């Protein structure tokens, strides 16, 4: 329980990392962990992520989202992205994304990078 509480309390600090260095590390992590499914253009494996930050969840028209993501309302905020990257199946049961990013710092860095994609 203490570990969960510590992680929850640390979340705002992790999400506030925003810096060029964090975004650069996020790009490196993205290229290692995400790029094979999320390229410059949407593919059957995953949607392109340019402009994802602040966009409607499952709002792209060039990708066939899973029922789990289609059922989600809202926008891709830092908190929503963090929750999804931490546990995709818990965030959107039925999602096809199976890869999680367990480290809070890595998630924050990837989110910083996603913020730079227009």
PDB file of N, CA and C in Angstrom:
ATOM      1  N   UNK A   1       0.819  -1.187   0.000  1.00  0.00           N
ATOM      2  CA  UNK A   1       0.000   0.000   0.000  1.00  0.00           C
ATOM      3  C   UNK A   1       0.870   1.261   0.000  1.00  0.00           C
ATOM      4  N   UNK A   2       1.949   1.241   0.783  1.00  0.00           N
ATOM      5  CA  UNK A   2       2.833   2.401   0.826  1.00  0.00           C
ATOM      6  C   UNK A   2       3.476   2.661  -0.532  1.00  0.00           C
ATOM      7  N   UNK A   3       3.807   1.585  -1.264  1.00  0.00           N
ATOM      8  CA  UNK A   3       4.414   1.731  -2.581  1.00  0.00           C
ATOM      9  C   UNK A   3       3.434   2.394  -3.540  1.00  0.00           C
ATOM     10  N   UNK A   4       2.172   1.979  -3.500  1.00  0.00           N
ATOM     11  CA  UNK A   4       1.158   2.567  -4.368  1.00  0.00           C
ATOM     12  C   UNK A   4       0.967   4.040  -4.015  1.00  0.00           C
ATOM     13  N   UNK A   5       0.885   4.344  -2.732  1.00  0.00           N
ATOM     14  CA  UNK A   5       0.712   5.730  -2.299  1.00  0.00           C
ATOM     15  C   UNK A   5       1.899   6.587  -2.729  1.00  0.00           C
ATOM     16  N   UNK A   6       3.098   6.066  -2.594  1.00  0.00           N
ATOM     17  CA  UNK A   6       4.288   6.813  -3.009  1.00  0.00           C
ATOM     18  C   UNK A   6       4.255   7.078  -4.514  1.00  0.00           C
ATOM     19  N   UNK A   7       3.824   6.090  -5.297  1.00  0.00           N
ATOM     20  CA  UNK A   7       3.743   6.261  -6.748  1.00  0.00           C
ATOM     21  C   UNK A   7       2.704   7.315  -7.114  1.00  0.00           C
ATOM     22  N   UNK A   8       1.569   7.296  -6.434  1.00  0.00           N
ATOM     23  CA  UNK A   8       0.522   8.284  -6.702  1.00  0.00           C
ATOM     24  C   UNK A   8       0.996   9.686  -6.341  1.00  0.00           C
ATOM     25  N   UNK A   9       1.672   9.813  -5.219  1.00  0.00           N
ATOM     26  CA  UNK A   9       2.179  11.113  -4.803  1.00  0.00           C
ATOM     27  C   UNK A   9       3.287  11.621  -5.712  1.00  0.00           C
ATOM     28  N   UNK A  10       4.040  10.710  -6.302  1.00  0.00           N
ATOM     29  CA  UNK A  10       5.135  11.094  -7.195  1.00  0.00           C
ATOM     30  C   UNK A  10       4.652  11.444  -8.595  1.00  0.00           C
ATOM     31  N   UNK A  11       3.436  11.036  -8.959  1.00  0.00           N
ATOM     32  CA  UNK A  11       2.935  11.244 -10.313  1.00  0.00           C
ATOM     33  C   UNK A  11       2.989  12.705 -10.751  1.00  0.00           C
ATOM     34  N   UNK A  12       2.483  13.665  -9.963  1.00  0.00           N
ATOM     35  CA  UNK A  12       2.555  15.057 -10.434  1.00  0.00           C
ATOM     36  C   UNK A  12       3.986  15.511 -10.722  1.00  0.00           C
ATOM     37  N   UNK A  13       4.920  15.085  -9.916  1.00  0.00           N
ATOM     38  CA  UNK A  13       6.317  15.460 -10.155  1.00  0.00           C
ATOM     39  C   UNK A  13       6.830  14.828 -11.441  1.00  0.00           C
ATOM     40  N   UNK A  14       6.479  13.584 -11.683  1.00  0.00           N
ATOM     41  CA  UNK A  14       6.922  12.912 -12.900  1.00  0.00           C
ATOM     42  C   UNK A  14       6.317  13.571 -14.136  1.00  0.00           C
ATOM     43  N   UNK A  15       5.032  13.951 -14.045  1.00  0.00           N
ATOM     44  CA  UNK A  15       4.377  14.558 -15.189  1.00  0.00           C
ATOM     45  C   UNK A  15       4.873  15.971 -15.439  1.00  0.00           C
ATOM     46  N   UNK A  16       5.490  16.576 -14.448  1.00  0.00           N
ATOM     47  CA  UNK A  16       5.985  17.941 -14.579  1.00  0.00           C
ATOM     48  C   UNK A  16       7.440  17.990 -15.031  1.00  0.00           C
ATOM     49  N   UNK A  17       8.017  16.870 -15.425  1.00  0.00           N
ATOM     50  CA  UNK A  17       9.411  16.832 -15.847  1.00  0.00           C
ATOM     51  C   UNK A  17       9.700  17.702 -17.067  1.00  0.00           C
ATOM     52  N   UNK A  18       8.713  17.984 -17.853  1.00  0.00           N
ATOM     53  CA  UNK A  18       8.839  18.668 -19.136  1.00  0.00           C
ATOM     54  C   UNK A  18      10.112  19.484 -19.271  1.00  0.00           C
ATOM     55  N   UNK A  19      10.968  18.996 -20.124  1.00  0.00           N
ATOM     56  CA  UNK A  19      12.202  19.704 -20.440  1.00  0.00           C
ATOM     57  C   UNK A  19      12.725  19.148 -21.750  1.00  0.00           C
ATOM     58  N   UNK A  20      13.569  19.905 -22.435  1.00  0.00           N
ATOM     59  CA  UNK A  20      14.153  19.372 -23.667  1.00  0.00           C
ATOM     60  C   UNK A  20      14.899  18.061 -23.430  1.00  0.00           C
ATOM     61  N   UNK A  21      15.593  17.941 -22.304  1.00  0.00           N
ATOM     62  CA  UNK A  21      16.329  16.710 -22.016  1.00  0.00           C
ATOM     63  C   UNK A  21      15.372  15.539 -21.812  1.00  0.00           C
ATOM     64  N   UNK A  22      14.270  15.777 -21.107  1.00  0.00           N
ATOM     65  CA  UNK A  22      13.282  14.717 -20.885  1.00  0.00           C
ATOM     66  C   UNK A  22      12.656  14.299 -22.210  1.00  0.00           C
ATOM     67  N   UNK A  23      12.344  15.276 -23.067  1.00  0.00           N
ATOM     68  CA  UNK A  23      11.769  14.957 -24.375  1.00  0.00           C
ATOM     69  C   UNK A  23      12.758  14.181 -25.238  1.00  0.00           C
ATOM     70  N   UNK A  24      14.030  14.527 -25.157  1.00  0.00           N
ATOM     71  CA  UNK A  24      15.052  13.810 -25.929  1.00  0.00           C
ATOM     72  C   UNK A  24      15.166  12.366 -25.458  1.00  0.00           C
ATOM     73  N   UNK A  25      15.140  12.164 -24.150  1.00  0.00           N
ATOM     74  CA  UNK A  25      15.169  10.793 -23.623  1.00  0.00           C
ATOM     75  C   UNK A  25      13.878  10.076 -23.994  1.00  0.00           C
ATOM     76  N   UNK A  26      12.771  10.794 -23.974  1.00  0.00           N
ATOM     77  CA  UNK A  26      11.493  10.215 -24.390  1.00  0.00           C
ATOM     78  C   UNK A  26      11.515   9.763 -25.837  1.00  0.00           C
ATOM     79  N   UNK A  27      12.160  10.543 -26.695  1.00  0.00           N
ATOM     80  CA  UNK A  27      12.285  10.146 -28.103  1.00  0.00           C
ATOM     81  C   UNK A  27      13.099   8.860 -28.223  1.00  0.00           C
ATOM     82  N   UNK A  28      14.182   8.774 -27.463  1.00  0.00           N
ATOM     83  CA  UNK A  28      15.012   7.560 -27.492  1.00  0.00           C
ATOM     84  C   UNK A  28      14.180   6.357 -27.041  1.00  0.00           C
ATOM     85  N   UNK A  29      13.432   6.508 -25.952  1.00  0.00           N
ATOM     86  CA  UNK A  29      12.602   5.413 -25.451  1.00  0.00           C
ATOM     87  C   UNK A  29      11.498   5.061 -26.441  1.00  0.00           C
ATOM     88  N   UNK A  30      10.886   6.082 -27.028  1.00  0.00           N
ATOM     89  CA  UNK A  30       9.840   5.867 -28.032  1.00  0.00           C
ATOM     90  C   UNK A  30      10.392   5.040 -29.193  1.00  0.00           C
ATOM     91  N   UNK A  31      11.565   5.412 -29.669  1.00  0.00           N
ATOM     92  CA  UNK A  31      12.167   4.690 -30.792  1.00  0.00           C
ATOM     93  C   UNK A  31      12.469   3.240 -30.432  1.00  0.00           C
ATOM     94  N   UNK A  32      12.810   2.979 -29.188  1.00  0.00           N
ATOM     95  CA  UNK A  32      13.093   1.612 -28.739  1.00  0.00           C
ATOM     96  C   UNK A  32      11.826   0.791 -28.502  1.00  0.00           C
ATOM     97  N   UNK A  33      10.818   1.408 -27.914  1.00  0.00           N
ATOM     98  CA  UNK A  33       9.665   0.661 -27.423  1.00  0.00           C
ATOM     99  C   UNK A  33       8.385   0.834 -28.240  1.00  0.00           C
ATOM    100  N   UNK A  34       8.236   1.930 -28.941  1.00  0.00           N
ATOM    101  CA  UNK A  34       6.934   2.258 -29.519  1.00  0.00           C
ATOM    102  C   UNK A  34       6.924   2.342 -31.046  1.00  0.00           C
ATOM    103  N   UNK A  35       8.036   2.719 -31.615  1.00  0.00           N
ATOM    104  CA  UNK A  35       8.089   3.067 -33.035  1.00  0.00           C
ATOM    105  C   UNK A  35       7.730   1.909 -33.967  1.00  0.00           C
ATOM    106  N   UNK A  36       7.969   0.690 -33.545  1.00  0.00           N
ATOM    107  CA  UNK A  36       7.669  -0.431 -34.444  1.00  0.00           C
ATOM    108  C   UNK A  36       6.174  -0.525 -34.754  1.00  0.00           C
ATOM    109  N   UNK A  37       5.327  -0.043 -33.871  1.00  0.00           N
ATOM    110  CA  UNK A  37       3.874  -0.047 -34.112  1.00  0.00           C
ATOM    111  C   UNK A  37       3.320   1.347 -34.408  1.00  0.00           C
ATOM    112  N   UNK A  38       3.989   2.388 -33.940  1.00  0.00           N
ATOM    113  CA  UNK A  38       3.499   3.759 -34.084  1.00  0.00           C
ATOM    114  C   UNK A  38       4.490   4.584 -34.887  1.00  0.00           C
ATOM    115  N   UNK A  39       4.381   4.495 -36.202  1.00  0.00           N
ATOM    116  CA  UNK A  39       5.286   5.235 -37.077  1.00  0.00           C
ATOM    117  C   UNK A  39       4.732   6.594 -37.451  1.00  0.00           C
ATOM    118  N   UNK A  40       5.278   7.162 -38.516  1.00  0.00           N
ATOM    119  CA  UNK A  40       4.846   8.478 -38.984  1.00  0.00           C
ATOM    120  C   UNK A  40       3.425   8.428 -39.543  1.00  0.00           C
ATOM    121  N   UNK A  41       3.015   7.246 -40.035  1.00  0.00           N
ATOM    122  CA  UNK A  41       1.663   7.049 -40.553  1.00  0.00           C
ATOM    123  C   UNK A  41       1.021   5.896 -39.798  1.00  0.00           C
ATOM    124  N   UNK A  42      -0.307   5.936 -39.679  1.00  0.00           N
ATOM    125  CA  UNK A  42      -1.018   4.840 -39.037  1.00  0.00           C
ATOM    126  C   UNK A  42      -0.861   3.571 -39.865  1.00  0.00           C
ATOM    127  N   UNK A  43      -0.730   2.452 -39.166  1.00  0.00           N
ATOM    128  CA  UNK A  43      -0.635   1.135 -39.788  1.00  0.00           C
ATOM    129  C   UNK A  43      -1.645   0.229 -39.092  1.00  0.00           C
ATOM    130  N   UNK A  44      -1.849  -0.980 -39.581  1.00  0.00           N
ATOM    131  CA  UNK A  44      -2.751  -1.889 -38.863  1.00  0.00           C
ATOM    132  C   UNK A  44      -2.293  -2.191 -37.427  1.00  0.00           C
ATOM    133  N   UNK A  45      -1.009  -1.993 -37.141  1.00  0.00           N
ATOM    134  CA  UNK A  45      -0.479  -2.262 -35.798  1.00  0.00           C
ATOM    135  C   UNK A  45      -0.787  -1.143 -34.808  1.00  0.00           C
ATOM    136  N   UNK A  46      -0.861   0.096 -35.270  1.00  0.00           N
ATOM    137  CA  UNK A  46      -1.106   1.200 -34.358  1.00  0.00           C
ATOM    138  C   UNK A  46      -1.239   2.516 -35.085  1.00  0.00           C
ATOM    139  N   UNK A  47      -1.917   3.471 -34.436  1.00  0.00           N
ATOM    140  CA  UNK A  47      -2.075   4.782 -35.073  1.00  0.00           C
ATOM    141  C   UNK A  47      -0.794   5.605 -34.995  1.00  0.00           C
ATOM    142  N   UNK A  48      -0.638   6.515 -35.948  1.00  0.00           N
ATOM    143  CA  UNK A  48       0.431   7.500 -35.851  1.00  0.00           C
ATOM    144  C   UNK A  48       0.133   8.367 -34.641  1.00  0.00           C
ATOM    145  N   UNK A  49       1.156   8.855 -33.970  1.00  0.00           N
ATOM    146  CA  UNK A  49       0.948   9.585 -32.729  1.00  0.00           C
ATOM    147  C   UNK A  49       1.231  11.078 -32.830  1.00  0.00           C
ATOM    148  N   UNK A  50       1.455  11.582 -34.039  1.00  0.00           N
ATOM    149  CA  UNK A  50       1.599  13.019 -34.213  1.00  0.00           C
ATOM    150  C   UNK A  50       0.311  13.720 -33.799  1.00  0.00           C
ATOM    151  N   UNK A  51       0.416  14.676 -32.898  1.00  0.00           N
ATOM    152  CA  UNK A  51      -0.748  15.405 -32.433  1.00  0.00           C
ATOM    153  C   UNK A  51      -1.606  14.666 -31.424  1.00  0.00           C
ATOM    154  N   UNK A  52      -1.107  13.546 -30.904  1.00  0.00           N
ATOM    155  CA  UNK A  52      -1.911  12.762 -29.963  1.00  0.00           C
ATOM    156  C   UNK A  52      -2.160  13.517 -28.662  1.00  0.00           C
ATOM    157  N   UNK A  53      -1.177  14.262 -28.172  1.00  0.00           N
ATOM    158  CA  UNK A  53      -1.353  14.968 -26.905  1.00  0.00           C
ATOM    159  C   UNK A  53      -2.430  16.036 -27.072  1.00  0.00           C
ATOM    160  N   UNK A  54      -3.458  15.956 -26.266  1.00  0.00           N
ATOM    161  CA  UNK A  54      -4.580  16.893 -26.329  1.00  0.00           C
ATOM    162  C   UNK A  54      -5.677  16.478 -27.290  1.00  0.00           C
ATOM    163  N   UNK A  55      -5.462  15.404 -28.045  1.00  0.00           N
ATOM    164  CA  UNK A  55      -6.463  14.929 -29.004  1.00  0.00           C
ATOM    165  C   UNK A  55      -7.496  14.046 -28.306  1.00  0.00           C
ATOM    166  N   UNK A  56      -8.619  13.843 -28.971  1.00  0.00           N
ATOM    167  CA  UNK A  56      -9.639  12.940 -28.450  1.00  0.00           C
ATOM    168  C   UNK A  56      -9.093  11.517 -28.429  1.00  0.00           C
ATOM    169  N   UNK A  57      -9.413  10.799 -27.373  1.00  0.00           N
ATOM    170  CA  UNK A  57      -9.042   9.388 -27.304  1.00  0.00           C
ATOM    171  C   UNK A  57      -9.802   8.672 -28.410  1.00  0.00           C
ATOM    172  N   UNK A  58      -9.103   7.870 -29.179  1.00  0.00           N
ATOM    173  CA  UNK A  58      -9.670   7.116 -30.311  1.00  0.00           C
ATOM    174  C   UNK A  58     -10.318   8.043 -31.329  1.00  0.00           C
ATOM    175  N   UNK A  59      -9.759   9.248 -31.489  1.00  0.00           N
ATOM    176  CA  UNK A  59     -10.366  10.224 -32.378  1.00  0.00           C
ATOM    177  C   UNK A  59      -9.845  10.245 -33.801  1.00  0.00           C
ATOM    178  N   UNK A  60      -8.775   9.541 -34.070  1.00  0.00           N
ATOM    179  CA  UNK A  60      -8.243   9.547 -35.433  1.00  0.00           C
ATOM    180  C   UNK A  60      -9.171   8.776 -36.346  1.00  0.00           C
ATOM    181  N   UNK A  61      -9.290   9.227 -37.568  1.00  0.00           N
ATOM    182  CA  UNK A  61     -10.157   8.532 -38.522  1.00  0.00           C
ATOM    183  C   UNK A  61      -9.383   7.562 -39.402  1.00  0.00           C
ATOM    184  N   UNK A  62      -8.057   7.585 -39.334  1.00  0.00           N
ATOM    185  CA  UNK A  62      -7.251   6.717 -40.195  1.00  0.00           C
ATOM    186  C   UNK A  62      -6.783   5.455 -39.477  1.00  0.00           C
ATOM    187  N   UNK A  63      -7.447   5.122 -38.350  1.00  0.00           N
ATOM    188  CA  UNK A  63      -7.082   3.912 -37.622  1.00  0.00           C
ATOM    189  C   UNK A  63      -8.337   3.285 -37.031  1.00  0.00           C
ATOM    190  N   UNK A  64      -8.413   1.959 -37.088  1.00  0.00           N
ATOM    191  CA  UNK A  64      -9.544   1.220 -36.537  1.00  0.00           C
ATOM    192  C   UNK A  64      -9.230   0.842 -35.089  1.00  0.00           C
ATOM    193  N   UNK A  65      -9.684   1.674 -34.163  1.00  0.00           N
ATOM    194  CA  UNK A  65      -9.402   1.462 -32.746  1.00  0.00           C
ATOM    195  C   UNK A  65     -10.153   0.270 -32.194  1.00  0.00           C
ATOM    196  N   UNK A  66      -9.606  -0.305 -31.135  1.00  0.00           N
ATOM    197  CA  UNK A  66     -10.265  -1.406 -30.428  1.00  0.00           C
ATOM    198  C   UNK A  66     -11.532  -0.885 -29.757  1.00  0.00           C
ATOM    199  N   UNK A  67     -12.423  -1.799 -29.438  1.00  0.00           N
ATOM    200  CA  UNK A  67     -13.655  -1.430 -28.733  1.00  0.00           C
ATOM    201  C   UNK A  67     -13.333  -0.773 -27.393  1.00  0.00           C
ATOM    202  N   UNK A  68     -12.263  -1.227 -26.739  1.00  0.00           N
ATOM    203  CA  UNK A  68     -11.876  -0.664 -25.451  1.00  0.00           C
ATOM    204  C   UNK A  68     -11.550   0.814 -25.540  1.00  0.00           C
ATOM    205  N   UNK A  69     -10.818   1.207 -26.571  1.00  0.00           N
ATOM    206  CA  UNK A  69     -10.489   2.628 -26.726  1.00  0.00           C
ATOM    207  C   UNK A  69     -11.669   3.422 -27.271  1.00  0.00           C
ATOM    208  N   UNK A  70     -12.464   2.808 -28.156  1.00  0.00           N
ATOM    209  CA  UNK A  70     -13.643   3.508 -28.677  1.00  0.00           C
ATOM    210  C   UNK A  70     -14.618   3.840 -27.550  1.00  0.00           C
ATOM    211  N   UNK A  71     -14.622   3.046 -26.492  1.00  0.00           N
ATOM    212  CA  UNK A  71     -15.534   3.267 -25.366  1.00  0.00           C
ATOM    213  C   UNK A  71     -15.060   4.370 -24.422  1.00  0.00           C
ATOM    214  N   UNK A  72     -13.821   4.812 -24.567  1.00  0.00           N
ATOM    215  CA  UNK A  72     -13.268   5.843 -23.679  1.00  0.00           C
ATOM    216  C   UNK A  72     -13.676   7.232 -24.158  1.00  0.00           C
ATOM    217  N   UNK A  73     -14.064   8.060 -23.213  1.00  0.00           N
ATOM    218  CA  UNK A  73     -14.323   9.472 -23.501  1.00  0.00           C
ATOM    219  C   UNK A  73     -13.126  10.277 -23.020  1.00  0.00           C
ATOM    220  N   UNK A  74     -12.985  11.469 -23.525  1.00  0.00           N
ATOM    221  CA  UNK A  74     -11.943  12.347 -23.032  1.00  0.00           C
ATOM    222  C   UNK A  74     -10.859  12.595 -24.051  1.00  0.00           C
ATOM    223  N   UNK A  75      -9.801  13.213 -23.549  1.00  0.00           N
ATOM    224  CA  UNK A  75      -8.661  13.551 -24.391  1.00  0.00           C
ATOM    225  C   UNK A  75      -7.397  12.928 -23.808  1.00  0.00           C
ATOM    226  N   UNK A  76      -6.392  12.870 -24.654  1.00  0.00           N
ATOM    227  CA  UNK A  76      -5.097  12.354 -24.217  1.00  0.00           C
ATOM    228  C   UNK A  76      -4.352  13.454 -23.469  1.00  0.00           C
ATOM    229  N   UNK A  77      -4.578  13.510 -22.174  1.00  0.00           N
ATOM    230  CA  UNK A  77      -3.842  14.403 -21.284  1.00  0.00           C
ATOM    231  C   UNK A  77      -2.604  13.660 -20.797  1.00  0.00           C
ATOM    232  N   UNK A  78      -1.735  14.351 -20.075  1.00  0.00           N
ATOM    233  CA  UNK A  78      -0.568  13.682 -19.506  1.00  0.00           C
ATOM    234  C   UNK A  78      -1.008  12.562 -18.568  1.00  0.00           C
ATOM    235  N   UNK A  79      -2.036  12.807 -17.780  1.00  0.00           N
ATOM    236  CA  UNK A  79      -2.497  11.788 -16.835  1.00  0.00           C
ATOM    237  C   UNK A  79      -3.111  10.591 -17.562  1.00  0.00           C
ATOM    238  N   UNK A  80      -3.906  10.841 -18.612  1.00  0.00           N
ATOM    239  CA  UNK A  80      -4.503   9.741 -19.371  1.00  0.00           C
ATOM    240  C   UNK A  80      -3.418   8.913 -20.065  1.00  0.00           C
ATOM    241  N   UNK A  81      -2.459   9.591 -20.688  1.00  0.00           N
ATOM    242  CA  UNK A  81      -1.361   8.870 -21.338  1.00  0.00           C
ATOM    243  C   UNK A  81      -0.559   8.067 -20.325  1.00  0.00           C
ATOM    244  N   UNK A  82      -0.306   8.652 -19.163  1.00  0.00           N
ATOM    245  CA  UNK A  82       0.435   7.950 -18.124  1.00  0.00           C
ATOM    246  C   UNK A  82      -0.309   6.682 -17.696  1.00  0.00           C
ATOM    247  N   UNK A  83      -1.591   6.800 -17.476  1.00  0.00           N
ATOM    248  CA  UNK A  83      -2.398   5.630 -17.069  1.00  0.00           C
ATOM    249  C   UNK A  83      -2.390   4.557 -18.150  1.00  0.00           C
ATOM    250  N   UNK A  84      -2.536   4.985 -19.398  1.00  0.00           N
ATOM    251  CA  UNK A  84      -2.561   4.027 -20.506  1.00  0.00           C
ATOM    252  C   UNK A  84      -1.212   3.341 -20.676  1.00  0.00           C
ATOM    253  N   UNK A  85      -0.135   4.115 -20.647  1.00  0.00           N
ATOM    254  CA  UNK A  85       1.185   3.517 -20.809  1.00  0.00           C
ATOM    255  C   UNK A  85       1.543   2.602 -19.637  1.00  0.00           C
ATOM    256  N   UNK A  86       1.079   2.926 -18.443  1.00  0.00           N
ATOM    257  CA  UNK A  86       1.387   2.103 -17.276  1.00  0.00           C
ATOM    258  C   UNK A  86       0.689   0.752 -17.347  1.00  0.00           C
ATOM    259  N   UNK A  87      -0.587   0.757 -17.704  1.00  0.00           N
ATOM    260  CA  UNK A  87      -1.385  -0.476 -17.752  1.00  0.00           C
ATOM    261  C   UNK A  87      -2.454  -0.344 -18.826  1.00  0.00           C
ATOM    262  N   UNK A  88      -2.083  -0.604 -20.079  1.00  0.00           N
ATOM    263  CA  UNK A  88      -3.033  -0.414 -21.178  1.00  0.00           C
ATOM    264  C   UNK A  88      -4.354  -1.168 -20.989  1.00  0.00           C
ATOM    265  N   UNK A  89      -4.292  -2.421 -20.560  1.00  0.00           N
ATOM    266  CA  UNK A  89      -5.514  -3.219 -20.421  1.00  0.00           C
ATOM    267  C   UNK A  89      -6.392  -2.726 -19.279  1.00  0.00           C
ATOM    268  N   UNK A  90      -5.823  -2.150 -18.243  1.00  0.00           N
ATOM    269  CA  UNK A  90      -6.623  -1.596 -17.143  1.00  0.00           C
ATOM    270  C   UNK A  90      -7.272  -0.283 -17.584  1.00  0.00           C
ATOM    271  N   UNK A  91      -6.562   0.517 -18.372  1.00  0.00           N
ATOM    272  CA  UNK A  91      -7.085   1.793 -18.847  1.00  0.00           C
ATOM    273  C   UNK A  91      -8.228   1.582 -19.833  1.00  0.00           C
ATOM    274  N   UNK A  92      -8.041   0.655 -20.762  1.00  0.00           N
ATOM    275  CA  UNK A  92      -9.027   0.396 -21.816  1.00  0.00           C
ATOM    276  C   UNK A  92      -9.132  -1.103 -22.046  1.00  0.00           C
ATOM    277  N   UNK A  93      -9.941  -1.794 -21.220  1.00  0.00           N
ATOM    278  CA  UNK A  93     -10.083  -3.243 -21.400  1.00  0.00           C
ATOM    279  C   UNK A  93     -10.452  -3.572 -22.851  1.00  0.00           C
ATOM    280  N   UNK A  94      -9.735  -4.516 -23.416  1.00  0.00           N
ATOM    281  CA  UNK A  94      -9.957  -4.899 -24.804  1.00  0.00           C
ATOM    282  C   UNK A  94      -9.028  -4.200 -25.783  1.00  0.00           C
ATOM    283  N   UNK A  95      -8.170  -3.296 -25.284  1.00  0.00           N
ATOM    284  CA  UNK A  95      -7.223  -2.645 -26.181  1.00  0.00           C
ATOM    285  C   UNK A  95      -6.301  -3.691 -26.796  1.00  0.00           C
ATOM    286  N   UNK A  96      -5.787  -3.373 -27.958  1.00  0.00           N
ATOM    287  CA  UNK A  96      -4.848  -4.287 -28.610  1.00  0.00           C
ATOM    288  C   UNK A  96      -3.404  -3.980 -28.215  1.00  0.00           C
ATOM    289  N   UNK A  97      -3.182  -2.896 -27.495  1.00  0.00           N
ATOM    290  CA  UNK A  97      -1.822  -2.557 -27.067  1.00  0.00           C
ATOM    291  C   UNK A  97      -1.445  -3.425 -25.871  1.00  0.00           C
ATOM    292  N   UNK A  98      -0.399  -4.188 -26.046  1.00  0.00           N
ATOM    293  CA  UNK A  98       0.030  -5.123 -25.004  1.00  0.00           C
ATOM    294  C   UNK A  98       1.284  -4.660 -24.278  1.00  0.00           C
ATOM    295  N   UNK A  99       1.949  -3.648 -24.791  1.00  0.00           N
ATOM    296  CA  UNK A  99       3.216  -3.199 -24.225  1.00  0.00           C
ATOM    297  C   UNK A  99       2.962  -2.096 -23.201  1.00  0.00           C
ATOM    298  N   UNK A 100       3.437  -2.317 -21.993  1.00  0.00           N
ATOM    299  CA  UNK A 100       3.325  -1.314 -20.932  1.00  0.00           C
ATOM    300  C   UNK A 100       4.704  -0.695 -20.695  1.00  0.00           C
ATOM    301  N   UNK A 101       4.697   0.475 -20.088  1.00  0.00           N
ATOM    302  CA  UNK A 101       5.933   1.148 -19.687  1.00  0.00           C
ATOM    303  C   UNK A 101       5.872   1.249 -18.167  1.00  0.00           C
ATOM    304  N   UNK A 102       6.510   0.313 -17.450  1.00  0.00           N
ATOM    305  CA  UNK A 102       6.347   0.262 -16.001  1.00  0.00           C
ATOM    306  C   UNK A 102       6.985   1.408 -15.219  1.00  0.00           C
ATOM    307  N   UNK A 103       8.052   1.984 -15.712  1.00  0.00           N
ATOM    308  CA  UNK A 103       8.761   3.030 -14.957  1.00  0.00           C
ATOM    309  C   UNK A 103       8.102   4.396 -15.157  1.00  0.00           C
ATOM    310  N   UNK A 104       7.728   5.032 -14.042  1.00  0.00           N
ATOM    311  CA  UNK A 104       7.058   6.335 -14.100  1.00  0.00           C
ATOM    312  C   UNK A 104       7.911   7.389 -14.800  1.00  0.00           C
ATOM    313  N   UNK A 105       9.207   7.384 -14.553  1.00  0.00           N
ATOM    314  CA  UNK A 105      10.086   8.357 -15.193  1.00  0.00           C
ATOM    315  C   UNK A 105      10.102   8.153 -16.705  1.00  0.00           C
ATOM    316  N   UNK A 106      10.170   6.908 -17.149  1.00  0.00           N
ATOM    317  CA  UNK A 106      10.167   6.619 -18.588  1.00  0.00           C
ATOM    318  C   UNK A 106       8.851   7.054 -19.223  1.00  0.00           C
ATOM    319  N   UNK A 107       7.738   6.791 -18.543  1.00  0.00           N
ATOM    320  CA  UNK A 107       6.438   7.231 -19.070  1.00  0.00           C
ATOM    321  C   UNK A 107       6.404   8.744 -19.212  1.00  0.00           C
ATOM    322  N   UNK A 108       6.881   9.456 -18.209  1.00  0.00           N
ATOM    323  CA  UNK A 108       6.882  10.926 -18.255  1.00  0.00           C
ATOM    324  C   UNK A 108       7.749  11.432 -19.401  1.00  0.00           C
ATOM    325  N   UNK A 109       8.872  10.794 -19.637  1.00  0.00           N
ATOM    326  CA  UNK A 109       9.761  11.209 -20.722  1.00  0.00           C
ATOM    327  C   UNK A 109       9.124  10.933 -22.079  1.00  0.00           C
ATOM    328  N   UNK A 110       8.479   9.784 -22.230  1.00  0.00           N
ATOM    329  CA  UNK A 110       7.781   9.475 -23.486  1.00  0.00           C
ATOM    330  C   UNK A 110       6.659  10.481 -23.711  1.00  0.00           C
ATOM    331  N   UNK A 111       5.921  10.818 -22.666  1.00  0.00           N
ATOM    332  CA  UNK A 111       4.840  11.802 -22.785  1.00  0.00           C
ATOM    333  C   UNK A 111       5.408  13.160 -23.186  1.00  0.00           C
ATOM    334  N   UNK A 112       6.532  13.549 -22.603  1.00  0.00           N
ATOM    335  CA  UNK A 112       7.176  14.808 -23.014  1.00  0.00           C
ATOM    336  C   UNK A 112       7.503  14.776 -24.501  1.00  0.00           C
ATOM    337  N   UNK A 113       7.977  13.650 -24.984  1.00  0.00           N
ATOM    338  CA  UNK A 113       8.273  13.524 -26.410  1.00  0.00           C
ATOM    339  C   UNK A 113       6.978  13.609 -27.230  1.00  0.00           C
ATOM    340  N   UNK A 114       5.933  12.912 -26.785  1.00  0.00           N
ATOM    341  CA  UNK A 114       4.667  12.937 -27.530  1.00  0.00           C
ATOM    342  C   UNK A 114       4.116  14.365 -27.631  1.00  0.00           C
ATOM    343  N   UNK A 115       4.373  15.179 -26.634  1.00  0.00           N
ATOM    344  CA  UNK A 115       3.924  16.572 -26.661  1.00  0.00           C
ATOM    345  C   UNK A 115       4.591  17.349 -27.808  1.00  0.00           C
ATOM    346  N   UNK A 116       5.770  16.911 -28.245  1.00  0.00           N
ATOM    347  CA  UNK A 116       6.496  17.623 -29.307  1.00  0.00           C
ATOM    348  C   UNK A 116       6.025  17.219 -30.690  1.00  0.00           C
ATOM    349  N   UNK A 117       5.294  16.119 -30.806  1.00  0.00           N
ATOM    350  CA  UNK A 117       4.848  15.630 -32.110  1.00  0.00           C
ATOM    351  C   UNK A 117       3.606  16.385 -32.556  1.00  0.00           C
ATOM    352  N   UNK A 118       3.685  17.031 -33.658  1.00  0.00           N
ATOM    353  CA  UNK A 118       2.542  17.821 -34.156  1.00  0.00           C
ATOM    354  C   UNK A 118       1.905  17.171 -35.344  1.00  0.00           C
TER     355      UNK A 118
END
